[in-house]
C-alpha atoms as a PDB file:
ATOM      1  CA  MET A   1      22.803  45.688   8.361  1.00  0.00           C
ATOM      2  CA  LYS A   2      24.711  42.999  10.230  1.00  0.00           C
ATOM      3  CA  GLY A   3      21.747  42.402  12.589  1.00  0.00           C
ATOM      4  CA  PHE A   4      19.437  41.934   9.578  1.00  0.00           C
ATOM      5  CA  ARG A   5      21.793  39.376   8.054  1.00  0.00           C
ATOM      6  CA  LEU A   6      21.791  37.276  11.245  1.00  0.00           C
ATOM      7  CA  THR A   7      18.012  37.376  11.353  1.00  0.00           C
ATOM      8  CA  LEU A   8      17.778  36.302   7.730  1.00  0.00           C
ATOM      9  CA  ASN A   9      20.250  33.443   8.319  1.00  0.00           C
ATOM     10  CA  LEU A  10      18.346  32.465  11.433  1.00  0.00           C
ATOM     11  CA  LYS A  11      15.099  32.302   9.436  1.00  0.00           C
ATOM     12  CA  TYR A  12      16.699  30.047   6.843  1.00  0.00           C
ATOM     13  CA  LEU A  13      18.125  27.851   9.581  1.00  0.00           C
ATOM     14  CA  LEU A  14      14.722  27.551  11.288  1.00  0.00           C
ATOM     15  CA  PHE A  15      13.056  26.789   7.952  1.00  0.00           C
ATOM     16  CA  ILE A  16      15.546  24.017   7.195  1.00  0.00           C
ATOM     17  CA  PHE A  17      15.153  22.638  10.718  1.00  0.00           C
ATOM     18  CA  LEU A  18      11.359  22.596  10.274  1.00  0.00           C
ATOM     19  CA  LEU A  19      11.636  20.703   6.970  1.00  0.00           C
ATOM     20  CA  ILE A  20      14.037  18.152   8.418  1.00  0.00           C
ATOM     21  CA  SER A  21      11.879  17.563  11.487  1.00  0.00           C
ATOM     22  CA  LEU A  22       8.713  17.153   9.389  1.00  0.00           C
ATOM     23  CA  GLN A  23      10.478  14.739   7.058  1.00  0.00           C
ATOM     24  CA  SER A  24      11.935  12.694   9.914  1.00  0.00           C
ATOM     25  CA  CYS A  25       8.536  12.112  11.509  1.00  0.00           C
ATOM     26  CA  GLY A  26       7.130  10.732   8.253  1.00  0.00           C
ATOM     27  CA  TYR A  27       5.048  13.739   7.212  1.00  0.00           C
ATOM     28  CA  ASN A  28       4.381  14.093   3.524  1.00  0.00           C
ATOM     29  CA  LEU A  29       1.875  16.013   1.473  1.00  0.00           C
ATOM     30  CA  ARG A  30      -1.316  14.249   0.608  1.00  0.00           C
ATOM     31  CA  GLU A  31      -0.919  12.613  -2.757  1.00  0.00           C
ATOM     32  CA  SER A  32      -3.422  11.329  -5.228  1.00  0.00           C
ATOM     33  CA  PRO A  33      -2.127   8.705  -7.620  1.00  0.00           C
ATOM     34  CA  SER A  34      -1.720  10.426 -10.943  1.00  0.00           C
ATOM     35  CA  PHE A  35      -1.934   7.387 -13.210  1.00  0.00           C
ATOM     36  CA  LEU A  36      -4.859   5.686 -11.490  1.00  0.00           C
ATOM     37  CA  SER A  37      -7.072   8.763 -11.373  1.00  0.00           C
ATOM     38  CA  ASN A  38      -9.651   9.085 -14.143  1.00  0.00           C
ATOM     39  CA  LYS A  39      -9.042   5.536 -15.360  1.00  0.00           C
ATOM     40  CA  ASN A  40     -11.604   2.766 -15.606  1.00  0.00           C
ATOM     41  CA  ILE A  41     -10.080  -0.085 -13.639  1.00  0.00           C
ATOM     42  CA  ALA A  42     -11.442  -3.584 -13.282  1.00  0.00           C
ATOM     43  CA  VAL A  43     -10.388  -5.890 -10.480  1.00  0.00           C
ATOM     44  CA  ILE A  44     -10.865  -9.614 -11.054  1.00  0.00           C
ATOM     45  CA  SER A  45     -10.398 -11.593  -7.849  1.00  0.00           C
ATOM     46  CA  ASP A  46     -11.867 -14.057  -5.417  1.00  0.00           C
ATOM     47  CA  SER A  47     -14.206 -12.642  -2.820  1.00  0.00           C
ATOM     48  CA  ASN A  48     -12.187 -12.899   0.372  1.00  0.00           C
ATOM     49  CA  SER A  49     -11.671 -10.288   3.079  1.00  0.00           C
ATOM     50  CA  LEU A  50      -8.175  -9.285   1.941  1.00  0.00           C
ATOM     51  CA  ASN A  51      -9.312  -8.731  -1.658  1.00  0.00           C
ATOM     52  CA  ARG A  52     -12.324  -6.709  -0.467  1.00  0.00           C
ATOM     53  CA  LEU A  53      -9.983  -4.564   1.620  1.00  0.00           C
ATOM     54  CA  PHE A  54      -7.742  -4.144  -1.445  1.00  0.00           C
ATOM     55  CA  ILE A  55     -10.689  -2.965  -3.556  1.00  0.00           C
ATOM     56  CA  GLU A  56     -11.822  -0.609  -0.789  1.00  0.00           C
ATOM     57  CA  GLU A  57      -8.362   0.998  -0.573  1.00  0.00           C
ATOM     58  CA  LEU A  58      -8.111   1.176  -4.369  1.00  0.00           C
ATOM     59  CA  ARG A  59     -11.464   2.974  -4.488  1.00  0.00           C
ATOM     60  CA  LYS A  60     -10.050   5.615  -2.134  1.00  0.00           C
ATOM     61  CA  ALA A  61      -7.436   6.353  -4.805  1.00  0.00           C
ATOM     62  CA  ASN A  62      -9.821   6.107  -7.753  1.00  0.00           C
ATOM     63  CA  ASN A  63     -13.617   6.174  -7.855  1.00  0.00           C
ATOM     64  CA  ASN A  64     -13.738   4.293 -11.169  1.00  0.00           C
ATOM     65  CA  VAL A  65     -12.844   0.878  -9.737  1.00  0.00           C
ATOM     66  CA  LEU A  66     -15.287  -1.823 -10.675  1.00  0.00           C
ATOM     67  CA  ILE A  67     -15.464  -5.527 -10.013  1.00  0.00           C
ATOM     68  CA  TYR A  68     -15.918  -7.415 -13.265  1.00  0.00           C
ATOM     69  CA  LYS A  69     -16.287 -10.901 -14.483  1.00  0.00           C
ATOM     70  CA  LYS A  70     -13.868 -11.880 -17.216  1.00  0.00           C
ATOM     71  CA  GLU A  71     -16.494 -11.531 -19.950  1.00  0.00           C
ATOM     72  CA  GLU A  72     -17.274  -7.847 -19.201  1.00  0.00           C
ATOM     73  CA  ILE A  73     -14.150  -5.946 -20.279  1.00  0.00           C
ATOM     74  CA  ASN A  74     -15.512  -3.160 -22.492  1.00  0.00           C
ATOM     75  CA  ASP A  75     -14.232   0.419 -22.128  1.00  0.00           C
ATOM     76  CA  LEU A  76     -11.551  -0.370 -19.555  1.00  0.00           C
ATOM     77  CA  ASP A  77      -8.142   1.237 -19.179  1.00  0.00           C
ATOM     78  CA  LEU A  78      -6.594  -1.334 -16.831  1.00  0.00           C
ATOM     79  CA  ILE A  79      -7.450  -4.817 -15.594  1.00  0.00           C
ATOM     80  CA  ILE A  80      -5.941  -6.066 -12.339  1.00  0.00           C
ATOM     81  CA  ASN A  81      -6.303  -9.835 -12.058  1.00  0.00           C
ATOM     82  CA  ILE A  82      -5.458 -11.008  -8.526  1.00  0.00           C
ATOM     83  CA  ASN A  83      -4.256 -14.605  -8.590  1.00  0.00           C
ATOM     84  CA  ASN A  84      -3.043 -15.024  -5.003  1.00  0.00           C
ATOM     85  CA  HIS A  85      -3.463 -12.542  -2.163  1.00  0.00           C
ATOM     86  CA  GLN A  86      -2.644 -13.625   1.359  1.00  0.00           C
ATOM     87  CA  THR A  87      -1.006 -12.842   4.661  1.00  0.00           C
ATOM     88  CA  LYS A  88       0.584 -15.444   6.905  1.00  0.00           C
ATOM     89  CA  ARG A  89       1.478 -15.141  10.583  1.00  0.00           C
ATOM     90  CA  PHE A  90       4.505 -16.773  12.139  1.00  0.00           C
ATOM     91  CA  SER A  91       5.933 -16.800  15.621  1.00  0.00           C
ATOM     92  CA  SER A  92       9.327 -15.179  15.163  1.00  0.00           C
ATOM     93  CA  GLY A  93      10.587 -14.609  18.699  1.00  0.00           C
ATOM     94  CA  GLN A  94      10.132 -16.819  21.727  1.00  0.00           C
ATOM     95  CA  GLY A  95      10.791 -15.987  25.340  1.00  0.00           C
ATOM     96  CA  ALA A  96      10.887 -17.999  28.542  1.00  0.00           C
ATOM     97  CA  GLY A  97       8.512 -20.945  28.587  1.00  0.00           C
ATOM     98  CA  ALA A  98       8.259 -20.915  24.804  1.00  0.00           C
ATOM     99  CA  ARG A  99       5.956 -17.888  24.896  1.00  0.00           C
ATOM    100  CA  THR A 100       5.649 -15.883  21.708  1.00  0.00           C
ATOM    101  CA  LEU A 101       7.115 -12.398  22.002  1.00  0.00           C
ATOM    102  CA  GLU A 102       7.046 -11.323  18.382  1.00  0.00           C
ATOM    103  CA  VAL A 103       4.885 -12.152  15.378  1.00  0.00           C
ATOM    104  CA  ARG A 104       6.055 -11.972  11.783  1.00  0.00           C
ATOM    105  CA  ILE A 105       3.408 -11.196   9.181  1.00  0.00           C
ATOM    106  CA  ASP A 106       4.256 -12.083   5.582  1.00  0.00           C
ATOM    107  CA  TYR A 107       2.326 -10.390   2.787  1.00  0.00           C
ATOM    108  CA  ASN A 108       2.097 -11.903  -0.688  1.00  0.00           C
ATOM    109  CA  LEU A 109       0.265 -10.548  -3.732  1.00  0.00           C
ATOM    110  CA  ASP A 110       0.490 -12.303  -7.104  1.00  0.00           C
ATOM    111  CA  PHE A 111      -1.334 -10.425  -9.828  1.00  0.00           C
ATOM    112  CA  SER A 112      -1.344  -9.536 -13.490  1.00  0.00           C
ATOM    113  CA  LEU A 113      -1.876  -6.166 -15.104  1.00  0.00           C
ATOM    114  CA  GLU A 114      -3.554  -6.029 -18.473  1.00  0.00           C
ATOM    115  CA  ASN A 115      -4.120  -3.156 -20.852  1.00  0.00           C
ATOM    116  CA  PRO A 116      -7.212  -4.156 -22.858  1.00  0.00           C
ATOM    117  CA  MET A 117      -6.425  -1.649 -25.618  1.00  0.00           C
ATOM    118  CA  THR A 118      -3.096  -3.267 -26.502  1.00  0.00           C
ATOM    119  CA  SER A 119      -3.659  -6.743 -25.003  1.00  0.00           C
ATOM    120  CA  ASN A 120      -0.409  -6.234 -23.099  1.00  0.00           C
ATOM    121  CA  LYS A 121      -0.362  -8.435 -19.998  1.00  0.00           C
ATOM    122  CA  THR A 122       2.369  -8.604 -17.347  1.00  0.00           C
ATOM    123  CA  TYR A 123       2.647 -10.752 -14.236  1.00  0.00           C
ATOM    124  CA  HIS A 124       3.968  -9.375 -10.958  1.00  0.00           C
ATOM    125  CA  LYS A 125       4.563 -10.420  -7.387  1.00  0.00           C
ATOM    126  CA  ILE A 126       4.699  -8.148  -4.318  1.00  0.00           C
ATOM    127  CA  LYS A 127       6.066  -9.447  -1.040  1.00  0.00           C
ATOM    128  CA  ASP A 128       6.568  -7.665   2.267  1.00  0.00           C
ATOM    129  CA  VAL A 129       7.244  -8.557   5.904  1.00  0.00           C
ATOM    130  CA  LYS A 130       6.394  -6.798   9.143  1.00  0.00           C
ATOM    131  CA  TYR A 131       7.225  -7.714  12.722  1.00  0.00           C
ATOM    132  CA  LEU A 132       4.809  -6.997  15.576  1.00  0.00           C
ATOM    133  CA  ALA A 133       5.303  -7.282  19.313  1.00  0.00           C
ATOM    134  CA  TYR A 134       2.954  -9.886  20.776  1.00  0.00           C
ATOM    135  CA  ASP A 135       1.388  -9.922  24.231  1.00  0.00           C
ATOM    136  CA  ASP A 136      -1.104 -12.580  25.395  1.00  0.00           C
ATOM    137  CA  SER A 137      -3.015 -10.041  27.479  1.00  0.00           C
ATOM    138  CA  GLN A 138      -3.760  -7.803  24.481  1.00  0.00           C
ATOM    139  CA  ILE A 139      -5.194 -10.210  21.925  1.00  0.00           C
ATOM    140  CA  LEU A 140      -7.975  -7.829  20.811  1.00  0.00           C
ATOM    141  CA  ALA A 141      -5.470  -5.026  20.312  1.00  0.00           C
ATOM    142  CA  MET A 142      -3.372  -7.450  18.278  1.00  0.00           C
ATOM    143  CA  GLU A 143      -6.297  -8.075  15.908  1.00  0.00           C
ATOM    144  CA  THR A 144      -6.693  -4.328  15.337  1.00  0.00           C
ATOM    145  CA  GLU A 145      -2.960  -3.938  14.800  1.00  0.00           C
ATOM    146  CA  GLU A 146      -2.985  -6.809  12.318  1.00  0.00           C
ATOM    147  CA  LYS A 147      -5.828  -5.171  10.360  1.00  0.00           C
ATOM    148  CA  ASP A 148      -3.895  -1.878  10.304  1.00  0.00           C
ATOM    149  CA  THR A 149      -0.848  -3.787   9.071  1.00  0.00           C
ATOM    150  CA  ASN A 150      -2.930  -5.298   6.252  1.00  0.00           C
ATOM    151  CA  VAL A 151      -4.053  -1.794   5.237  1.00  0.00           C
ATOM    152  CA  ASP A 152      -0.394  -0.672   5.219  1.00  0.00           C
ATOM    153  CA  PHE A 153       0.570  -3.655   3.056  1.00  0.00           C
ATOM    154  CA  ILE A 154      -2.262  -2.938   0.615  1.00  0.00           C
ATOM    155  CA  GLN A 155      -1.468   0.780   0.368  1.00  0.00           C
ATOM    156  CA  LEU A 156       2.138  -0.105  -0.451  1.00  0.00           C
ATOM    157  CA  ALA A 157       0.924  -2.594  -3.074  1.00  0.00           C
ATOM    158  CA  ILE A 158      -1.336   0.048  -4.664  1.00  0.00           C
ATOM    159  CA  LYS A 159       1.593   2.451  -4.925  1.00  0.00           C
ATOM    160  CA  LYS A 160       3.675  -0.258  -6.603  1.00  0.00           C
ATOM    161  CA  ILE A 161       0.800  -1.117  -8.946  1.00  0.00           C
ATOM    162  CA  GLU A 162       0.535   2.552  -9.889  1.00  0.00           C
ATOM    163  CA  ILE A 163       4.225   2.619 -10.801  1.00  0.00           C
ATOM    164  CA  LEU A 164       3.981  -0.644 -12.746  1.00  0.00           C
ATOM    165  CA  SER A 165       0.835   0.376 -14.602  1.00  0.00           C
ATOM    166  CA  SER A 166       2.284   3.740 -15.604  1.00  0.00           C
ATOM    167  CA  THR A 167       4.834   1.886 -17.750  1.00  0.00           C
ATOM    168  CA  PHE A 168       2.067   0.507 -19.999  1.00  0.00           C
ATOM    169  CA  LYS A 169       1.967   2.033 -23.467  1.00  0.00           C
ATOM    170  CA  GLU A 170      -1.415   3.261 -24.529  1.00  0.00           C
END
């Protein structure tokens, strides 16, 4: 009986250790945004590369994302109007000989959410910052890393938009 109890405690200890180690490495279950799914969403924005990437990532979360002009707003559940969407790069750390060692990327998204059913419109701003190590010899790798950083920024913005849009009354 005592040997069984140690084995049972050992199993619980290993289970807890497994959960902690999975959580610490950033593992989480695949989620689908609950509010954005099965909604007709219109995105009104300029046609630049960052906005196209935003729409592409939003379509991964919801297949009903359409690009509309302001006149075509029939049968929509949510309108996202992007006013300003940009990233800026700055040299944040300098080494010997004034060489850049670190790059700071600032992300800024100014947008409004509108519920066409209630004509409720709210304005929001999302800002984020990320620091990247910079090396002159790996400029092409830096471009790939910057694109991955933009995807990370946009995925974070979509999660925040989901939370903000879920507060709309229907």
